[in-house]
């Protein structure tokens, strides 16, 4: 497992954009394009672009499949997830944070390896 600092906000800001950051990495798209796509999805569904419903629908539309993780707040971390999934493209949700994992590496603005994943989206073939 390796954490790679990933801060692709066009202004270099550290703001509450984890959903945009994670999805842009997972889809290999710019922050701006991802932000606009999520805003359009939010407009069509009547919700904010970083809400679970919006980004879940967007990822499913992009071919991702959602999986849940057994509830174990102290026994499984994003680091553990990376060890269990050394290959593939994932967007992990903790309930309050979203992060991209690509081929076992965490791409995030901060080292979120100790956070507890609740669910994840896996990129399809």
C-alpha atoms as a PDB file:
ATOM      1  CA  UNK A   1       0.000   0.000   0.000  1.00  0.00           C
ATOM      2  CA  UNK A   2       1.221   3.425  -0.856  1.00  0.00           C
ATOM      3  CA  UNK A   3      -0.359   6.818  -0.321  1.00  0.00           C
ATOM      4  CA  UNK A   4       0.198   9.226  -3.196  1.00  0.00           C
ATOM      5  CA  UNK A   5      -0.730  12.838  -2.579  1.00  0.00           C
ATOM      6  CA  UNK A   6      -3.384  13.748  -5.096  1.00  0.00           C
ATOM      7  CA  UNK A   7      -4.599  17.320  -5.054  1.00  0.00           C
ATOM      8  CA  UNK A   8      -5.906  18.186  -8.510  1.00  0.00           C
ATOM      9  CA  UNK A   9      -8.069  21.182  -7.596  1.00  0.00           C
ATOM     10  CA  UNK A  10      -7.263  23.713 -10.350  1.00  0.00           C
ATOM     11  CA  UNK A  11      -6.513  26.377  -7.732  1.00  0.00           C
ATOM     12  CA  UNK A  12      -4.552  24.018  -5.481  1.00  0.00           C
ATOM     13  CA  UNK A  13      -7.159  24.454  -2.757  1.00  0.00           C
ATOM     14  CA  UNK A  14      -7.809  21.965   0.003  1.00  0.00           C
ATOM     15  CA  UNK A  15     -11.586  22.120   0.083  1.00  0.00           C
ATOM     16  CA  UNK A  16     -14.399  19.588   0.580  1.00  0.00           C
ATOM     17  CA  UNK A  17     -13.972  18.161  -2.917  1.00  0.00           C
ATOM     18  CA  UNK A  18     -13.057  14.570  -2.066  1.00  0.00           C
ATOM     19  CA  UNK A  19     -15.834  13.145  -4.257  1.00  0.00           C
ATOM     20  CA  UNK A  20     -14.685  15.153  -7.268  1.00  0.00           C
ATOM     21  CA  UNK A  21     -11.035  14.327  -6.602  1.00  0.00           C
ATOM     22  CA  UNK A  22     -11.667  10.575  -6.166  1.00  0.00           C
ATOM     23  CA  UNK A  23     -13.892  10.231  -9.220  1.00  0.00           C
ATOM     24  CA  UNK A  24     -11.600  12.313 -11.423  1.00  0.00           C
ATOM     25  CA  UNK A  25      -8.709  10.003 -10.533  1.00  0.00           C
ATOM     26  CA  UNK A  26     -10.765   6.833 -11.019  1.00  0.00           C
ATOM     27  CA  UNK A  27     -11.998   8.003 -14.428  1.00  0.00           C
ATOM     28  CA  UNK A  28      -8.749   9.705 -15.451  1.00  0.00           C
ATOM     29  CA  UNK A  29     -10.625  12.985 -16.033  1.00  0.00           C
ATOM     30  CA  UNK A  30      -9.801  16.518 -15.009  1.00  0.00           C
ATOM     31  CA  UNK A  31     -11.192  17.988 -11.794  1.00  0.00           C
ATOM     32  CA  UNK A  32     -13.123  20.540 -13.856  1.00  0.00           C
ATOM     33  CA  UNK A  33     -14.736  17.984 -16.176  1.00  0.00           C
ATOM     34  CA  UNK A  34     -15.683  15.774 -13.239  1.00  0.00           C
ATOM     35  CA  UNK A  35     -17.133  18.707 -11.310  1.00  0.00           C
ATOM     36  CA  UNK A  36     -19.288  19.756 -14.275  1.00  0.00           C
ATOM     37  CA  UNK A  37     -20.456  16.173 -14.916  1.00  0.00           C
ATOM     38  CA  UNK A  38     -21.486  15.774 -11.269  1.00  0.00           C
ATOM     39  CA  UNK A  39     -23.272  19.137 -11.319  1.00  0.00           C
ATOM     40  CA  UNK A  40     -25.256  18.058 -14.375  1.00  0.00           C
ATOM     41  CA  UNK A  41     -26.093  14.731 -12.695  1.00  0.00           C
ATOM     42  CA  UNK A  42     -27.151  16.636  -9.579  1.00  0.00           C
ATOM     43  CA  UNK A  43     -29.298  19.014 -11.622  1.00  0.00           C
ATOM     44  CA  UNK A  44     -31.038  16.092 -13.349  1.00  0.00           C
ATOM     45  CA  UNK A  45     -31.729  14.400 -10.010  1.00  0.00           C
ATOM     46  CA  UNK A  46     -32.397  17.537  -7.940  1.00  0.00           C
ATOM     47  CA  UNK A  47     -29.555  17.073  -5.453  1.00  0.00           C
ATOM     48  CA  UNK A  48     -26.056  18.374  -4.757  1.00  0.00           C
ATOM     49  CA  UNK A  49     -23.152  17.042  -6.856  1.00  0.00           C
ATOM     50  CA  UNK A  50     -21.291  15.468  -3.931  1.00  0.00           C
ATOM     51  CA  UNK A  51     -24.282  13.685  -2.375  1.00  0.00           C
ATOM     52  CA  UNK A  52     -24.137   9.898  -2.174  1.00  0.00           C
ATOM     53  CA  UNK A  53     -27.144   9.517  -4.471  1.00  0.00           C
ATOM     54  CA  UNK A  54     -25.602  11.691  -7.181  1.00  0.00           C
ATOM     55  CA  UNK A  55     -22.097  10.301  -7.256  1.00  0.00           C
ATOM     56  CA  UNK A  56     -23.423   6.737  -6.895  1.00  0.00           C
ATOM     57  CA  UNK A  57     -25.697   7.179  -9.913  1.00  0.00           C
ATOM     58  CA  UNK A  58     -22.862   8.809 -11.857  1.00  0.00           C
ATOM     59  CA  UNK A  59     -20.415   5.983 -11.110  1.00  0.00           C
ATOM     60  CA  UNK A  60     -22.970   3.299 -11.977  1.00  0.00           C
ATOM     61  CA  UNK A  61     -23.590   5.098 -15.281  1.00  0.00           C
ATOM     62  CA  UNK A  62     -19.819   4.974 -15.884  1.00  0.00           C
ATOM     63  CA  UNK A  63     -19.730   1.188 -15.405  1.00  0.00           C
ATOM     64  CA  UNK A  64     -18.807   0.942 -11.730  1.00  0.00           C
ATOM     65  CA  UNK A  65     -20.444  -1.614  -9.453  1.00  0.00           C
ATOM     66  CA  UNK A  66     -21.166  -0.855  -5.786  1.00  0.00           C
ATOM     67  CA  UNK A  67     -20.153  -3.262  -3.011  1.00  0.00           C
ATOM     68  CA  UNK A  68     -20.643  -3.027   0.746  1.00  0.00           C
ATOM     69  CA  UNK A  69     -18.069  -3.889   3.364  1.00  0.00           C
ATOM     70  CA  UNK A  70     -18.937  -5.756   6.531  1.00  0.00           C
ATOM     71  CA  UNK A  71     -19.391  -3.409   9.477  1.00  0.00           C
ATOM     72  CA  UNK A  72     -16.212  -3.593  11.519  1.00  0.00           C
ATOM     73  CA  UNK A  73     -15.172  -0.106  12.662  1.00  0.00           C
ATOM     74  CA  UNK A  74     -11.841  -1.114  14.194  1.00  0.00           C
ATOM     75  CA  UNK A  75     -10.793  -4.142  12.213  1.00  0.00           C
ATOM     76  CA  UNK A  76     -10.606  -3.024   8.588  1.00  0.00           C
ATOM     77  CA  UNK A  77      -9.018   0.060   7.073  1.00  0.00           C
ATOM     78  CA  UNK A  78      -8.450   1.493   3.617  1.00  0.00           C
ATOM     79  CA  UNK A  79      -4.903   0.193   3.953  1.00  0.00           C
ATOM     80  CA  UNK A  80      -6.322  -3.313   4.469  1.00  0.00           C
ATOM     81  CA  UNK A  81      -8.553  -2.799   1.430  1.00  0.00           C
ATOM     82  CA  UNK A  82      -5.492  -1.929  -0.665  1.00  0.00           C
ATOM     83  CA  UNK A  83      -3.741  -5.114   0.449  1.00  0.00           C
ATOM     84  CA  UNK A  84      -6.832  -7.145  -0.467  1.00  0.00           C
ATOM     85  CA  UNK A  85      -7.220  -5.354  -3.833  1.00  0.00           C
ATOM     86  CA  UNK A  86      -3.740  -4.866  -5.326  1.00  0.00           C
ATOM     87  CA  UNK A  87      -5.160  -4.402  -8.823  1.00  0.00           C
ATOM     88  CA  UNK A  88      -8.088  -2.439 -10.152  1.00  0.00           C
ATOM     89  CA  UNK A  89      -9.738   0.961  -9.928  1.00  0.00           C
ATOM     90  CA  UNK A  90     -11.957   1.767  -6.948  1.00  0.00           C
ATOM     91  CA  UNK A  91     -13.756   4.677  -5.317  1.00  0.00           C
ATOM     92  CA  UNK A  92     -14.106   4.033  -1.591  1.00  0.00           C
ATOM     93  CA  UNK A  93     -16.664   5.690   0.664  1.00  0.00           C
ATOM     94  CA  UNK A  94     -16.271   5.970   4.424  1.00  0.00           C
ATOM     95  CA  UNK A  95     -19.560   7.702   5.082  1.00  0.00           C
ATOM     96  CA  UNK A  96     -17.893  11.107   5.338  1.00  0.00           C
ATOM     97  CA  UNK A  97     -15.056  10.828   2.829  1.00  0.00           C
ATOM     98  CA  UNK A  98     -14.378   9.437  -0.654  1.00  0.00           C
ATOM     99  CA  UNK A  99     -11.017   8.298  -1.945  1.00  0.00           C
ATOM    100  CA  UNK A 100      -9.620   6.702  -5.108  1.00  0.00           C
ATOM    101  CA  UNK A 101      -7.610   3.498  -4.944  1.00  0.00           C
ATOM    102  CA  UNK A 102      -5.812   2.473  -8.125  1.00  0.00           C
ATOM    103  CA  UNK A 103      -3.762  -0.731  -8.228  1.00  0.00           C
ATOM    104  CA  UNK A 104      -3.412  -0.805  -4.442  1.00  0.00           C
ATOM    105  CA  UNK A 105      -2.352   2.847  -4.113  1.00  0.00           C
ATOM    106  CA  UNK A 106      -4.375   5.500  -2.288  1.00  0.00           C
ATOM    107  CA  UNK A 107      -4.746   8.778  -4.173  1.00  0.00           C
ATOM    108  CA  UNK A 108      -5.898  11.477  -1.775  1.00  0.00           C
ATOM    109  CA  UNK A 109      -5.051  14.955  -0.512  1.00  0.00           C
ATOM    110  CA  UNK A 110      -4.106  13.393   2.838  1.00  0.00           C
ATOM    111  CA  UNK A 111      -3.148   9.950   4.068  1.00  0.00           C
ATOM    112  CA  UNK A 112      -6.545   8.365   4.646  1.00  0.00           C
ATOM    113  CA  UNK A 113      -5.169   4.819   4.957  1.00  0.00           C
ATOM    114  CA  UNK A 114      -6.442   4.421   8.552  1.00  0.00           C
ATOM    115  CA  UNK A 115     -10.027   5.409   7.689  1.00  0.00           C
ATOM    116  CA  UNK A 116     -12.710   2.699   7.752  1.00  0.00           C
ATOM    117  CA  UNK A 117     -14.328   1.938   4.399  1.00  0.00           C
ATOM    118  CA  UNK A 118     -18.086   1.354   4.387  1.00  0.00           C
ATOM    119  CA  UNK A 119     -18.611   0.676   0.679  1.00  0.00           C
ATOM    120  CA  UNK A 120     -16.715   0.838  -2.571  1.00  0.00           C
ATOM    121  CA  UNK A 121     -17.308   1.139  -6.273  1.00  0.00           C
ATOM    122  CA  UNK A 122     -15.305  -1.108  -8.569  1.00  0.00           C
ATOM    123  CA  UNK A 123     -14.614  -0.174 -12.163  1.00  0.00           C
ATOM    124  CA  UNK A 124     -15.958  -2.754 -14.593  1.00  0.00           C
ATOM    125  CA  UNK A 125     -14.163  -4.121 -17.608  1.00  0.00           C
END
